[in-house]
Amino acid sequence: MSDDDAFARKFAELGEQFRAELPARLAEIRAHLAAGEFDEVRAIAHRLAGRGGTFGAPGITSAGRAVEEADAAALPAAVAALAAVIGG
């Protein structure tokens, strides 16, 4: 197996792991939102936005950025939109 093949396989595995962890990350976001911990909500959304870009999920990137940029009043709707993209 070439280095390129090994890299591609590892990258694919990481992408699968990212997708498998989405429900847990969404649950974390919702828990922090309910607790009024908006900085935590935005931090997790920031990481999701970046990873979405890395792993070819532009919808997650866009929705994650919207959460990251939302003010407190708009945060619940932005989280709901992110959840819709994730499928949760």
Foldseek 3Di string as FASTA:
>chain_A
DDPVVVVVVVLVVVLVVLLVCVVVLLVVLVVCLVVVVLVVNLVSLCVQLVVCVVNVNNQSVVLSVCCNPDDNVCNVVSSVSNCVSSVD
